[in-house]
Every structure is written in C-alpha cells, then in structure tokens.
Amino acid sequence: MATLSLSCLALPSKLRNLSLTGPSSCSSSNQSSTFKSLGFSTNLSHNYLFSNGNLSMRTIERPSRHLSVVCEAAPTKKADSAAKRARQAEKRRIYNKSRKSEIKTRMKKVLEALDVLKKKTDATSEEIVPVEKLIAEAYSVIDKAVRVGTLHRNTGARRKSRLARRKKAVEIHHGWYTLAATVNAV
C-alpha cells in the first residue's frame, strides 16, 4: 500500500501529519486513484471531535491498519448577519402571507356577490353598484400588494382582469352591458 502524506497548515500541530492510504501506488501517472481511508501515521492517535464549533481531543489506541477518521468542522451557529436576514425573512413572510390572504378574501367576496347576482332572475342594473364598490376595494388591495412587492405586477393585473371579466359576464347575462355604452364612456 502506498502512503501519501499531507501537510495542513491550518490544522493544529497534532493534526498536521495526516496520511492517505490507498489501494494503488501513487505515481505521477496515476493521479486519479481513489483512496479508502484517512488516518494518522502512528499506532497511537487522537480522536478529534468537532461539536458546536469546538474541538475536543481524546487519545485512543487504534489497530495498525485501516482506520477512518471523519471530521466535521461546520459550525452550527449562524453568523450574526445570517441570523438577522433569517429574522427579516420571517417577518416579511408573515406580512406577505396576511396581505395575500386579504387579497383572496376580497376576491372571494366579489366573486360570490357576482354569482348571487347572476343567479337572480329579476335583478336590476342598480344592484351591481355594491358589487362595484367591492371590486374597487379589491383593486385597491391588489394594487397596494403590487406596490410593496408582495405580488408581481403581472399577477396583480391577472387578478384584476379576472374580476372585471366576471363582472362583464354578469352584465352580459342580464343584458345590462352594451357596446355603445363603453364607446360613449371612452
């Protein structure tokens, strides 16, 4: 078995002389060989444990062959800036969630009012006025959500369009919508 020694300047002195032992010879022509284990060059070695960003060491006697050492040095504590970003993201998530919920509620009220109006057989054109007020409130909430960045502008436009199309369908159903009325308004 061939041994390849490494020098790690960033590691403590006890960890600096590591050796990789592998099944094939380490020549310059065979760089792509895979190594089976990472171990120390003496029979007495130290067991290093990394936990919560701290290094703890314990001396153990190991067999003369095939010892694998696994070191995980990833700290579990987040950096201060990462923790702040996480807090900010959580605040924004809750804020956006409530805003989206309000949009859904307003849209649902408008759509239910339009369905009730569409099912009425003896409805008059004045009955659409309260529904138009609900639509105006829904538009306002949607526009505000787009302005603060909760919704994408295309999503806001699509939702407003959905409400307008449904209102137009109700007006056409009852015969209140005429093309001449929209041409005169423009």
N, C-alpha and C. Protein backbone atom coordinates (compact mmCIF):
# COMPACT_ATOMS: atom_id res chain seq x y z
N MET A 1 0.84 -1.18 0.00
CA MET A 1 0.00 0.00 0.00
C MET A 1 0.88 1.24 0.00
N ALA A 2 0.47 2.21 -0.77
CA ALA A 2 1.24 3.43 -0.86
C ALA A 2 0.70 4.45 0.12
N THR A 3 1.55 5.33 0.58
CA THR A 3 1.16 6.35 1.53
C THR A 3 1.49 7.71 0.96
N LEU A 4 0.54 8.61 1.03
CA LEU A 4 0.71 9.98 0.56
C LEU A 4 0.53 10.88 1.76
N SER A 5 1.57 11.65 2.14
CA SER A 5 1.44 12.49 3.33
C SER A 5 1.05 13.90 2.94
N LEU A 6 0.21 14.51 3.78
CA LEU A 6 -0.29 15.85 3.55
C LEU A 6 0.19 16.76 4.66
N SER A 7 0.39 17.99 4.33
CA SER A 7 0.72 18.99 5.35
C SER A 7 -0.39 20.02 5.37
N CYS A 8 -1.06 20.14 6.50
CA CYS A 8 -2.17 21.06 6.63
C CYS A 8 -1.76 22.18 7.56
N LEU A 9 -1.50 23.36 7.05
CA LEU A 9 -1.02 24.46 7.88
C LEU A 9 -2.10 25.03 8.77
N ALA A 10 -3.34 24.90 8.36
CA ALA A 10 -4.41 25.49 9.14
C ALA A 10 -4.81 24.64 10.33
N LEU A 11 -4.39 23.40 10.37
CA LEU A 11 -4.78 22.49 11.44
C LEU A 11 -3.80 22.59 12.61
N PRO A 12 -4.22 22.20 13.82
CA PRO A 12 -3.29 22.17 14.96
C PRO A 12 -2.15 21.20 14.70
N SER A 13 -1.09 21.32 15.51
CA SER A 13 0.11 20.52 15.27
C SER A 13 -0.16 19.02 15.35
N LYS A 14 -1.09 18.59 16.19
CA LYS A 14 -1.40 17.17 16.29
C LYS A 14 -2.05 16.64 15.01
N LEU A 15 -2.71 17.54 14.23
CA LEU A 15 -3.41 17.11 13.03
C LEU A 15 -2.60 17.33 11.76
N ARG A 16 -1.40 17.90 11.84
CA ARG A 16 -0.70 18.30 10.63
C ARG A 16 -0.17 17.14 9.80
N ASN A 17 0.27 16.08 10.40
CA ASN A 17 0.85 14.98 9.63
C ASN A 17 -0.19 13.89 9.41
N LEU A 18 -1.01 14.07 8.41
CA LEU A 18 -2.02 13.09 8.05
C LEU A 18 -1.51 12.28 6.88
N SER A 19 -2.02 11.09 6.73
CA SER A 19 -1.62 10.31 5.57
C SER A 19 -2.85 9.67 4.95
N LEU A 20 -2.85 9.61 3.64
CA LEU A 20 -3.90 8.93 2.90
C LEU A 20 -3.35 7.58 2.49
N THR A 21 -4.07 6.54 2.79
CA THR A 21 -3.63 5.21 2.38
C THR A 21 -4.61 4.69 1.36
N GLY A 22 -4.12 4.18 0.28
CA GLY A 22 -4.99 3.72 -0.77
C GLY A 22 -4.53 2.41 -1.37
N PRO A 23 -5.35 1.82 -2.24
CA PRO A 23 -5.06 0.51 -2.77
C PRO A 23 -4.00 0.52 -3.88
N SER A 24 -3.76 1.65 -4.53
CA SER A 24 -2.83 1.62 -5.65
C SER A 24 -1.63 2.48 -5.36
N SER A 25 -0.60 2.33 -6.15
CA SER A 25 0.61 3.11 -5.95
C SER A 25 0.37 4.54 -6.40
N CYS A 26 1.04 5.49 -5.75
CA CYS A 26 0.84 6.90 -6.06
C CYS A 26 1.98 7.38 -6.93
N SER A 27 1.85 7.26 -8.18
CA SER A 27 2.84 7.81 -9.10
C SER A 27 2.22 8.99 -9.80
N SER A 28 3.02 9.76 -10.47
CA SER A 28 2.51 10.95 -11.14
C SER A 28 1.59 10.58 -12.29
N SER A 29 1.74 9.39 -12.86
CA SER A 29 0.88 8.98 -13.96
C SER A 29 -0.48 8.52 -13.47
N ASN A 30 -0.59 8.09 -12.19
CA ASN A 30 -1.85 7.57 -11.67
C ASN A 30 -2.42 8.56 -10.64
N GLN A 31 -2.81 9.74 -11.06
CA GLN A 31 -3.35 10.76 -10.16
C GLN A 31 -4.80 10.49 -9.80
N SER A 32 -5.54 9.77 -10.62
CA SER A 32 -6.98 9.62 -10.41
C SER A 32 -7.35 8.42 -9.55
N SER A 33 -6.40 7.83 -8.82
CA SER A 33 -6.73 6.69 -7.98
C SER A 33 -7.54 7.13 -6.78
N THR A 34 -8.40 6.26 -6.31
CA THR A 34 -9.24 6.59 -5.16
C THR A 34 -8.61 6.02 -3.90
N PHE A 35 -8.74 6.76 -2.80
CA PHE A 35 -8.18 6.33 -1.53
C PHE A 35 -9.29 5.87 -0.62
N LYS A 36 -8.99 4.85 0.19
CA LYS A 36 -10.01 4.27 1.04
C LYS A 36 -10.14 4.99 2.37
N SER A 37 -9.04 5.41 2.98
CA SER A 37 -9.18 5.95 4.32
C SER A 37 -8.19 7.08 4.56
N LEU A 38 -8.47 7.84 5.58
CA LEU A 38 -7.62 8.93 6.00
C LEU A 38 -7.22 8.61 7.43
N GLY A 39 -5.93 8.46 7.69
CA GLY A 39 -5.52 8.05 9.02
C GLY A 39 -4.23 8.70 9.44
N PHE A 40 -3.80 8.49 10.69
CA PHE A 40 -2.56 9.02 11.20
C PHE A 40 -1.47 7.98 11.00
N SER A 41 -0.22 8.46 11.05
CA SER A 41 0.87 7.56 10.72
C SER A 41 1.36 6.75 11.92
N THR A 42 0.88 6.96 13.14
CA THR A 42 1.32 6.19 14.31
C THR A 42 0.18 5.31 14.80
N ASN A 43 0.53 4.34 15.62
CA ASN A 43 -0.49 3.46 16.16
C ASN A 43 -1.32 4.13 17.24
N LEU A 44 -0.72 5.04 17.99
CA LEU A 44 -1.48 5.82 18.94
C LEU A 44 -1.92 7.09 18.24
N SER A 45 -3.18 7.34 18.25
CA SER A 45 -3.66 8.56 17.61
C SER A 45 -4.67 9.23 18.52
N HIS A 46 -5.10 10.36 18.09
CA HIS A 46 -6.06 11.13 18.87
C HIS A 46 -7.37 11.14 18.14
N ASN A 47 -8.44 11.02 18.90
CA ASN A 47 -9.77 11.11 18.34
C ASN A 47 -10.22 12.56 18.52
N TYR A 48 -10.42 13.25 17.41
CA TYR A 48 -10.83 14.65 17.46
C TYR A 48 -12.32 14.76 17.17
N LEU A 49 -13.05 15.40 18.03
CA LEU A 49 -14.48 15.58 17.85
C LEU A 49 -14.78 17.06 17.69
N PHE A 50 -15.54 17.39 16.67
CA PHE A 50 -15.98 18.76 16.45
C PHE A 50 -17.45 18.84 16.80
N SER A 51 -17.80 19.68 17.76
CA SER A 51 -19.21 19.88 18.08
C SER A 51 -19.41 21.31 18.53
N ASN A 52 -20.45 21.92 18.01
CA ASN A 52 -20.79 23.31 18.32
C ASN A 52 -19.61 24.26 18.08
N GLY A 53 -18.81 23.97 17.08
CA GLY A 53 -17.69 24.84 16.75
C GLY A 53 -16.48 24.63 17.64
N ASN A 54 -16.51 23.66 18.57
CA ASN A 54 -15.39 23.41 19.47
C ASN A 54 -14.70 22.10 19.09
N LEU A 55 -13.42 22.02 19.35
CA LEU A 55 -12.63 20.83 19.06
C LEU A 55 -12.32 20.15 20.38
N SER A 56 -12.68 18.88 20.49
CA SER A 56 -12.31 18.11 21.68
C SER A 56 -11.43 16.95 21.25
N MET A 57 -10.46 16.57 22.08
CA MET A 57 -9.47 15.57 21.69
C MET A 57 -9.41 14.47 22.73
N ARG A 58 -9.25 13.24 22.25
CA ARG A 58 -9.18 12.08 23.11
C ARG A 58 -8.15 11.12 22.52
N THR A 59 -7.23 10.59 23.33
CA THR A 59 -6.23 9.65 22.82
C THR A 59 -6.83 8.25 22.79
N ILE A 60 -6.67 7.58 21.66
CA ILE A 60 -7.17 6.22 21.54
C ILE A 60 -6.08 5.37 20.91
N GLU A 61 -6.12 4.08 21.21
CA GLU A 61 -5.19 3.15 20.56
C GLU A 61 -5.94 2.51 19.41
N ARG A 62 -5.34 2.56 18.27
CA ARG A 62 -6.01 2.03 17.09
C ARG A 62 -5.24 0.84 16.56
N PRO A 63 -5.92 -0.01 15.80
CA PRO A 63 -5.21 -1.10 15.15
C PRO A 63 -4.25 -0.54 14.11
N SER A 64 -3.32 -1.32 13.72
CA SER A 64 -2.27 -0.83 12.84
C SER A 64 -2.74 -0.56 11.42
N ARG A 65 -3.92 -1.01 11.06
CA ARG A 65 -4.38 -0.82 9.68
C ARG A 65 -5.81 -0.31 9.64
N HIS A 66 -6.12 0.41 8.59
CA HIS A 66 -7.47 0.81 8.17
C HIS A 66 -8.29 1.49 9.26
N LEU A 67 -7.93 2.68 9.58
CA LEU A 67 -8.74 3.50 10.46
C LEU A 67 -9.24 4.68 9.65
N SER A 68 -10.51 4.90 9.71
CA SER A 68 -11.08 6.05 9.01
C SER A 68 -11.35 7.15 10.01
N VAL A 69 -10.95 8.34 9.68
CA VAL A 69 -11.20 9.49 10.53
C VAL A 69 -12.14 10.42 9.78
N VAL A 70 -13.25 10.77 10.42
CA VAL A 70 -14.22 11.67 9.82
C VAL A 70 -14.27 12.92 10.68
N CYS A 71 -14.02 14.06 10.09
CA CYS A 71 -14.06 15.33 10.81
C CYS A 71 -15.11 16.23 10.18
N GLU A 72 -15.98 16.74 11.01
CA GLU A 72 -16.97 17.71 10.55
C GLU A 72 -16.73 18.99 11.33
N ALA A 73 -16.23 19.99 10.66
CA ALA A 73 -15.89 21.23 11.33
C ALA A 73 -16.86 22.35 11.01
N ALA A 74 -18.03 22.03 10.47
CA ALA A 74 -19.01 23.06 10.13
C ALA A 74 -19.65 23.59 11.40
N PRO A 75 -19.60 24.89 11.61
CA PRO A 75 -20.21 25.44 12.82
C PRO A 75 -21.73 25.39 12.73
N THR A 76 -22.38 25.14 13.86
CA THR A 76 -23.83 25.05 13.86
C THR A 76 -24.47 26.42 14.10
N LYS A 77 -23.72 27.35 14.68
CA LYS A 77 -24.26 28.68 14.95
C LYS A 77 -24.16 29.53 13.69
N LYS A 78 -25.26 30.21 13.37
CA LYS A 78 -25.25 31.09 12.21
C LYS A 78 -24.51 32.37 12.54
N ALA A 79 -23.96 32.98 11.51
CA ALA A 79 -23.34 34.28 11.69
C ALA A 79 -24.42 35.30 12.04
N ASP A 80 -24.00 36.40 12.64
CA ASP A 80 -24.97 37.41 13.07
C ASP A 80 -25.77 37.97 11.91
N SER A 81 -25.10 38.22 10.78
CA SER A 81 -25.82 38.78 9.63
C SER A 81 -26.80 37.76 9.06
N ALA A 82 -26.43 36.49 9.08
CA ALA A 82 -27.35 35.45 8.59
C ALA A 82 -28.57 35.32 9.50
N ALA A 83 -28.34 35.44 10.79
CA ALA A 83 -29.46 35.35 11.74
C ALA A 83 -30.41 36.54 11.55
N LYS A 84 -29.84 37.71 11.31
CA LYS A 84 -30.68 38.89 11.08
C LYS A 84 -31.48 38.73 9.80
N ARG A 85 -30.83 38.23 8.75
CA ARG A 85 -31.54 38.00 7.49
C ARG A 85 -32.67 37.00 7.68
N ALA A 86 -32.44 35.97 8.49
CA ALA A 86 -33.48 34.98 8.75
C ALA A 86 -34.67 35.62 9.47
N ARG A 87 -34.36 36.49 10.45
CA ARG A 87 -35.44 37.19 11.16
C ARG A 87 -36.23 38.09 10.21
N GLN A 88 -35.52 38.82 9.36
CA GLN A 88 -36.19 39.70 8.41
C GLN A 88 -37.06 38.91 7.44
N ALA A 89 -36.53 37.80 6.96
CA ALA A 89 -37.29 36.97 6.01
C ALA A 89 -38.56 36.43 6.66
N GLU A 90 -38.47 36.05 7.92
CA GLU A 90 -39.65 35.54 8.63
C GLU A 90 -40.70 36.64 8.80
N LYS A 91 -40.26 37.86 9.13
CA LYS A 91 -41.20 38.98 9.25
C LYS A 91 -41.90 39.24 7.91
N ARG A 92 -41.11 39.25 6.84
CA ARG A 92 -41.68 39.51 5.51
C ARG A 92 -42.64 38.41 5.10
N ARG A 93 -42.30 37.16 5.44
CA ARG A 93 -43.16 36.03 5.09
C ARG A 93 -44.53 36.19 5.74
N ILE A 94 -44.53 36.51 7.03
CA ILE A 94 -45.80 36.67 7.75
C ILE A 94 -46.59 37.85 7.20
N TYR A 95 -45.89 38.96 6.93
CA TYR A 95 -46.54 40.16 6.39
C TYR A 95 -47.15 39.86 5.02
N ASN A 96 -46.37 39.21 4.15
CA ASN A 96 -46.87 38.88 2.81
C ASN A 96 -48.01 37.87 2.87
N LYS A 97 -47.92 36.95 3.81
CA LYS A 97 -48.98 35.94 3.95
C LYS A 97 -50.30 36.60 4.30
N SER A 98 -50.28 37.56 5.21
CA SER A 98 -51.52 38.23 5.60
C SER A 98 -52.07 39.07 4.44
N ARG A 99 -51.18 39.72 3.70
CA ARG A 99 -51.61 40.52 2.56
C ARG A 99 -52.24 39.65 1.48
N LYS A 100 -51.62 38.51 1.18
CA LYS A 100 -52.17 37.59 0.17
C LYS A 100 -53.51 37.03 0.64
N SER A 101 -53.61 36.75 1.92
CA SER A 101 -54.87 36.25 2.46
C SER A 101 -55.97 37.28 2.30
N GLU A 102 -55.63 38.55 2.53
CA GLU A 102 -56.63 39.61 2.38
C GLU A 102 -57.08 39.72 0.92
N ILE A 103 -56.14 39.58 0.00
CA ILE A 103 -56.48 39.63 -1.43
C ILE A 103 -57.44 38.51 -1.77
N LYS A 104 -57.13 37.31 -1.30
CA LYS A 104 -58.00 36.16 -1.60
C LYS A 104 -59.40 36.36 -1.02
N THR A 105 -59.46 36.90 0.19
CA THR A 105 -60.75 37.14 0.83
C THR A 105 -61.57 38.16 0.05
N ARG A 106 -60.94 39.25 -0.35
CA ARG A 106 -61.65 40.28 -1.11
C ARG A 106 -62.14 39.73 -2.45
N MET A 107 -61.29 38.98 -3.13
CA MET A 107 -61.69 38.40 -4.42
C MET A 107 -62.84 37.42 -4.24
N LYS A 108 -62.79 36.64 -3.18
CA LYS A 108 -63.84 35.67 -2.92
C LYS A 108 -65.18 36.36 -2.67
N LYS A 109 -65.15 37.47 -1.92
CA LYS A 109 -66.39 38.22 -1.66
C LYS A 109 -66.98 38.76 -2.95
N VAL A 110 -66.11 39.30 -3.83
CA VAL A 110 -66.59 39.85 -5.10
C VAL A 110 -67.19 38.74 -5.96
N LEU A 111 -66.47 37.62 -6.06
CA LEU A 111 -66.94 36.53 -6.91
C LEU A 111 -68.25 35.93 -6.40
N GLU A 112 -68.39 35.82 -5.06
CA GLU A 112 -69.64 35.31 -4.50
C GLU A 112 -70.80 36.28 -4.77
N ALA A 113 -70.53 37.58 -4.63
CA ALA A 113 -71.58 38.57 -4.89
C ALA A 113 -72.00 38.54 -6.36
N LEU A 114 -71.03 38.36 -7.24
CA LEU A 114 -71.35 38.28 -8.67
C LEU A 114 -72.14 37.01 -8.99
N ASP A 115 -71.80 35.90 -8.34
CA ASP A 115 -72.55 34.66 -8.57
C ASP A 115 -74.00 34.79 -8.10
N VAL A 116 -74.19 35.42 -6.94
CA VAL A 116 -75.55 35.63 -6.43
C VAL A 116 -76.33 36.52 -7.39
N LEU A 117 -75.67 37.56 -7.88
CA LEU A 117 -76.33 38.48 -8.81
C LEU A 117 -76.66 37.80 -10.13
N LYS A 118 -75.78 36.92 -10.57
CA LYS A 118 -76.01 36.23 -11.84
C LYS A 118 -77.18 35.25 -11.72
N LYS A 119 -77.35 34.62 -10.55
CA LYS A 119 -78.42 33.63 -10.36
C LYS A 119 -79.79 34.29 -10.18
N LYS A 120 -79.80 35.56 -9.81
CA LYS A 120 -81.07 36.28 -9.65
C LYS A 120 -81.71 36.48 -11.01
N THR A 121 -83.00 36.13 -11.12
CA THR A 121 -83.68 36.31 -12.40
C THR A 121 -84.25 37.71 -12.56
N ASP A 122 -84.62 38.33 -11.46
CA ASP A 122 -85.25 39.65 -11.54
C ASP A 122 -84.31 40.74 -11.04
N ALA A 123 -83.03 40.66 -11.35
CA ALA A 123 -82.04 41.64 -10.90
C ALA A 123 -82.13 42.91 -11.74
N THR A 124 -81.84 44.01 -11.10
CA THR A 124 -81.83 45.30 -11.81
C THR A 124 -80.39 45.79 -11.92
N SER A 125 -80.20 46.74 -12.81
CA SER A 125 -78.84 47.23 -13.05
C SER A 125 -78.29 48.01 -11.86
N GLU A 126 -79.15 48.50 -10.95
CA GLU A 126 -78.68 49.21 -9.76
C GLU A 126 -78.06 48.26 -8.73
N GLU A 127 -78.36 46.99 -8.85
CA GLU A 127 -77.81 46.02 -7.90
C GLU A 127 -76.33 45.74 -8.12
N ILE A 128 -75.81 46.21 -9.23
CA ILE A 128 -74.39 46.00 -9.49
C ILE A 128 -73.53 47.02 -8.75
N VAL A 129 -74.11 48.11 -8.25
CA VAL A 129 -73.35 49.18 -7.59
C VAL A 129 -72.61 48.69 -6.35
N PRO A 130 -73.26 47.92 -5.42
CA PRO A 130 -72.49 47.43 -4.27
C PRO A 130 -71.36 46.48 -4.68
N VAL A 131 -71.58 45.73 -5.76
CA VAL A 131 -70.54 44.82 -6.24
C VAL A 131 -69.38 45.62 -6.81
N GLU A 132 -69.69 46.75 -7.47
CA GLU A 132 -68.62 47.60 -8.00
C GLU A 132 -67.79 48.21 -6.87
N LYS A 133 -68.41 48.50 -5.74
CA LYS A 133 -67.66 49.00 -4.58
C LYS A 133 -66.73 47.92 -4.05
N LEU A 134 -67.23 46.67 -3.99
CA LEU A 134 -66.37 45.56 -3.57
C LEU A 134 -65.20 45.37 -4.53
N ILE A 135 -65.48 45.51 -5.83
CA ILE A 135 -64.43 45.38 -6.83
C ILE A 135 -63.39 46.49 -6.65
N ALA A 136 -63.84 47.71 -6.39
CA ALA A 136 -62.91 48.82 -6.18
C ALA A 136 -62.02 48.57 -4.96
N GLU A 137 -62.58 48.02 -3.89
CA GLU A 137 -61.79 47.69 -2.70
C GLU A 137 -60.77 46.59 -3.01
N ALA A 138 -61.21 45.60 -3.77
CA ALA A 138 -60.29 44.51 -4.15
C ALA A 138 -59.16 45.05 -5.02
N TYR A 139 -59.50 45.93 -5.98
CA TYR A 139 -58.47 46.54 -6.82
C TYR A 139 -57.45 47.30 -5.97
N SER A 140 -57.94 48.03 -4.99
CA SER A 140 -57.06 48.82 -4.13
C SER A 140 -56.08 47.92 -3.36
N VAL A 141 -56.59 46.84 -2.81
CA VAL A 141 -55.75 45.90 -2.06
C VAL A 141 -54.72 45.25 -2.99
N ILE A 142 -55.16 44.86 -4.18
CA ILE A 142 -54.25 44.23 -5.14
C ILE A 142 -53.15 45.21 -5.56
N ASP A 143 -53.54 46.45 -5.86
CA ASP A 143 -52.56 47.46 -6.27
C ASP A 143 -51.54 47.74 -5.18
N LYS A 144 -52.00 47.78 -3.94
CA LYS A 144 -51.09 48.02 -2.82
C LYS A 144 -50.11 46.86 -2.65
N ALA A 145 -50.60 45.63 -2.83
CA ALA A 145 -49.72 44.46 -2.71
C ALA A 145 -48.66 44.47 -3.82
N VAL A 146 -49.04 44.92 -5.01
CA VAL A 146 -48.07 45.02 -6.10
C VAL A 146 -47.06 46.12 -5.79
N ARG A 147 -47.53 47.23 -5.25
CA ARG A 147 -46.66 48.36 -4.96
C ARG A 147 -45.60 48.02 -3.91
N VAL A 148 -45.97 47.26 -2.88
CA VAL A 148 -45.00 46.93 -1.83
C VAL A 148 -44.19 45.68 -2.16
N GLY A 149 -44.53 44.99 -3.24
CA GLY A 149 -43.72 43.86 -3.67
C GLY A 149 -44.21 42.49 -3.24
N THR A 150 -45.38 42.42 -2.65
CA THR A 150 -45.92 41.12 -2.25
C THR A 150 -46.32 40.31 -3.47
N LEU A 151 -46.93 40.97 -4.45
CA LEU A 151 -47.34 40.31 -5.70
C LEU A 151 -46.55 40.89 -6.87
N HIS A 152 -46.31 40.06 -7.85
CA HIS A 152 -45.72 40.53 -9.10
C HIS A 152 -46.78 41.34 -9.84
N ARG A 153 -46.35 42.32 -10.62
CA ARG A 153 -47.33 43.20 -11.28
C ARG A 153 -48.20 42.44 -12.26
N ASN A 154 -47.66 41.41 -12.91
CA ASN A 154 -48.48 40.62 -13.84
C ASN A 154 -49.54 39.81 -13.10
N THR A 155 -49.18 39.31 -11.91
CA THR A 155 -50.14 38.57 -11.10
C THR A 155 -51.27 39.49 -10.65
N GLY A 156 -50.92 40.71 -10.23
CA GLY A 156 -51.94 41.67 -9.84
C GLY A 156 -52.86 42.02 -11.00
N ALA A 157 -52.28 42.22 -12.18
CA ALA A 157 -53.08 42.55 -13.36
C ALA A 157 -54.01 41.39 -13.72
N ARG A 158 -53.50 40.17 -13.60
CA ARG A 158 -54.32 39.00 -13.93
C ARG A 158 -55.50 38.87 -12.97
N ARG A 159 -55.28 39.12 -11.70
CA ARG A 159 -56.37 39.01 -10.73
C ARG A 159 -57.41 40.11 -10.92
N LYS A 160 -56.98 41.32 -11.22
CA LYS A 160 -57.93 42.39 -11.50
C LYS A 160 -58.72 42.09 -12.76
N SER A 161 -58.04 41.55 -13.76
CA SER A 161 -58.71 41.20 -15.01
C SER A 161 -59.76 40.11 -14.79
N ARG A 162 -59.44 39.17 -13.92
CA ARG A 162 -60.37 38.08 -13.62
C ARG A 162 -61.68 38.64 -13.03
N LEU A 163 -61.54 39.62 -12.13
CA LEU A 163 -62.73 40.24 -11.53
C LEU A 163 -63.53 41.02 -12.57
N ALA A 164 -62.83 41.76 -13.42
CA ALA A 164 -63.52 42.57 -14.44
C ALA A 164 -64.25 41.69 -15.45
N ARG A 165 -63.61 40.59 -15.85
CA ARG A 165 -64.26 39.67 -16.80
C ARG A 165 -65.51 39.04 -16.20
N ARG A 166 -65.42 38.68 -14.92
CA ARG A 166 -66.58 38.06 -14.27
C ARG A 166 -67.72 39.07 -14.16
N LYS A 167 -67.41 40.32 -13.85
CA LYS A 167 -68.44 41.37 -13.78
C LYS A 167 -69.07 41.58 -15.15
N LYS A 168 -68.23 41.61 -16.17
CA LYS A 168 -68.73 41.81 -17.53
C LYS A 168 -69.64 40.66 -17.94
N ALA A 169 -69.27 39.43 -17.55
CA ALA A 169 -70.10 38.27 -17.88
C ALA A 169 -71.48 38.38 -17.23
N VAL A 170 -71.53 38.87 -16.00
CA VAL A 170 -72.82 39.05 -15.32
C VAL A 170 -73.65 40.12 -16.03
N GLU A 171 -72.99 41.22 -16.40
CA GLU A 171 -73.71 42.30 -17.10
C GLU A 171 -74.23 41.82 -18.46
N ILE A 172 -73.47 41.04 -19.18
CA ILE A 172 -73.92 40.48 -20.46
C ILE A 172 -75.06 39.51 -20.23
N HIS A 173 -74.98 38.70 -19.19
CA HIS A 173 -76.01 37.72 -18.88
C HIS A 173 -77.37 38.40 -18.66
N HIS A 174 -77.37 39.52 -17.96
CA HIS A 174 -78.62 40.23 -17.67
C HIS A 174 -78.98 41.25 -18.75
N GLY A 175 -78.12 41.46 -19.70
CA GLY A 175 -78.41 42.41 -20.77
C GLY A 175 -78.12 43.85 -20.40
N TRP A 176 -77.34 44.10 -19.37
CA TRP A 176 -77.01 45.45 -18.96
C TRP A 176 -75.83 46.01 -19.73
N TYR A 177 -75.04 45.14 -20.30
CA TYR A 177 -73.81 45.56 -20.98
C TYR A 177 -74.11 45.78 -22.45
N THR A 178 -73.80 46.96 -22.93
CA THR A 178 -73.92 47.23 -24.37
C THR A 178 -72.60 47.83 -24.84
N LEU A 179 -72.28 47.54 -26.05
CA LEU A 179 -71.02 48.03 -26.60
C LEU A 179 -71.06 49.54 -26.78
N ALA A 180 -72.22 50.09 -27.08
CA ALA A 180 -72.35 51.53 -27.27
C ALA A 180 -72.09 52.29 -25.98
N ALA A 181 -72.41 51.70 -24.84
CA ALA A 181 -72.19 52.38 -23.55
C ALA A 181 -70.69 52.53 -23.29
N THR A 182 -69.91 51.56 -23.67
CA THR A 182 -68.47 51.65 -23.44
C THR A 182 -67.82 52.60 -24.42
N VAL A 183 -68.34 52.71 -25.67
CA VAL A 183 -67.78 53.61 -26.65
C VAL A 183 -68.05 55.05 -26.24
N ASN A 184 -69.25 55.35 -25.71
CA ASN A 184 -69.58 56.70 -25.26
C ASN A 184 -68.76 57.09 -24.03
N ALA A 185 -68.44 56.12 -23.17
CA ALA A 185 -67.66 56.41 -21.96
C ALA A 185 -66.22 56.76 -22.31
N VAL A 186 -65.71 56.19 -23.40
CA VAL A 186 -64.32 56.44 -23.78
C VAL A 186 -64.25 57.74 -24.47
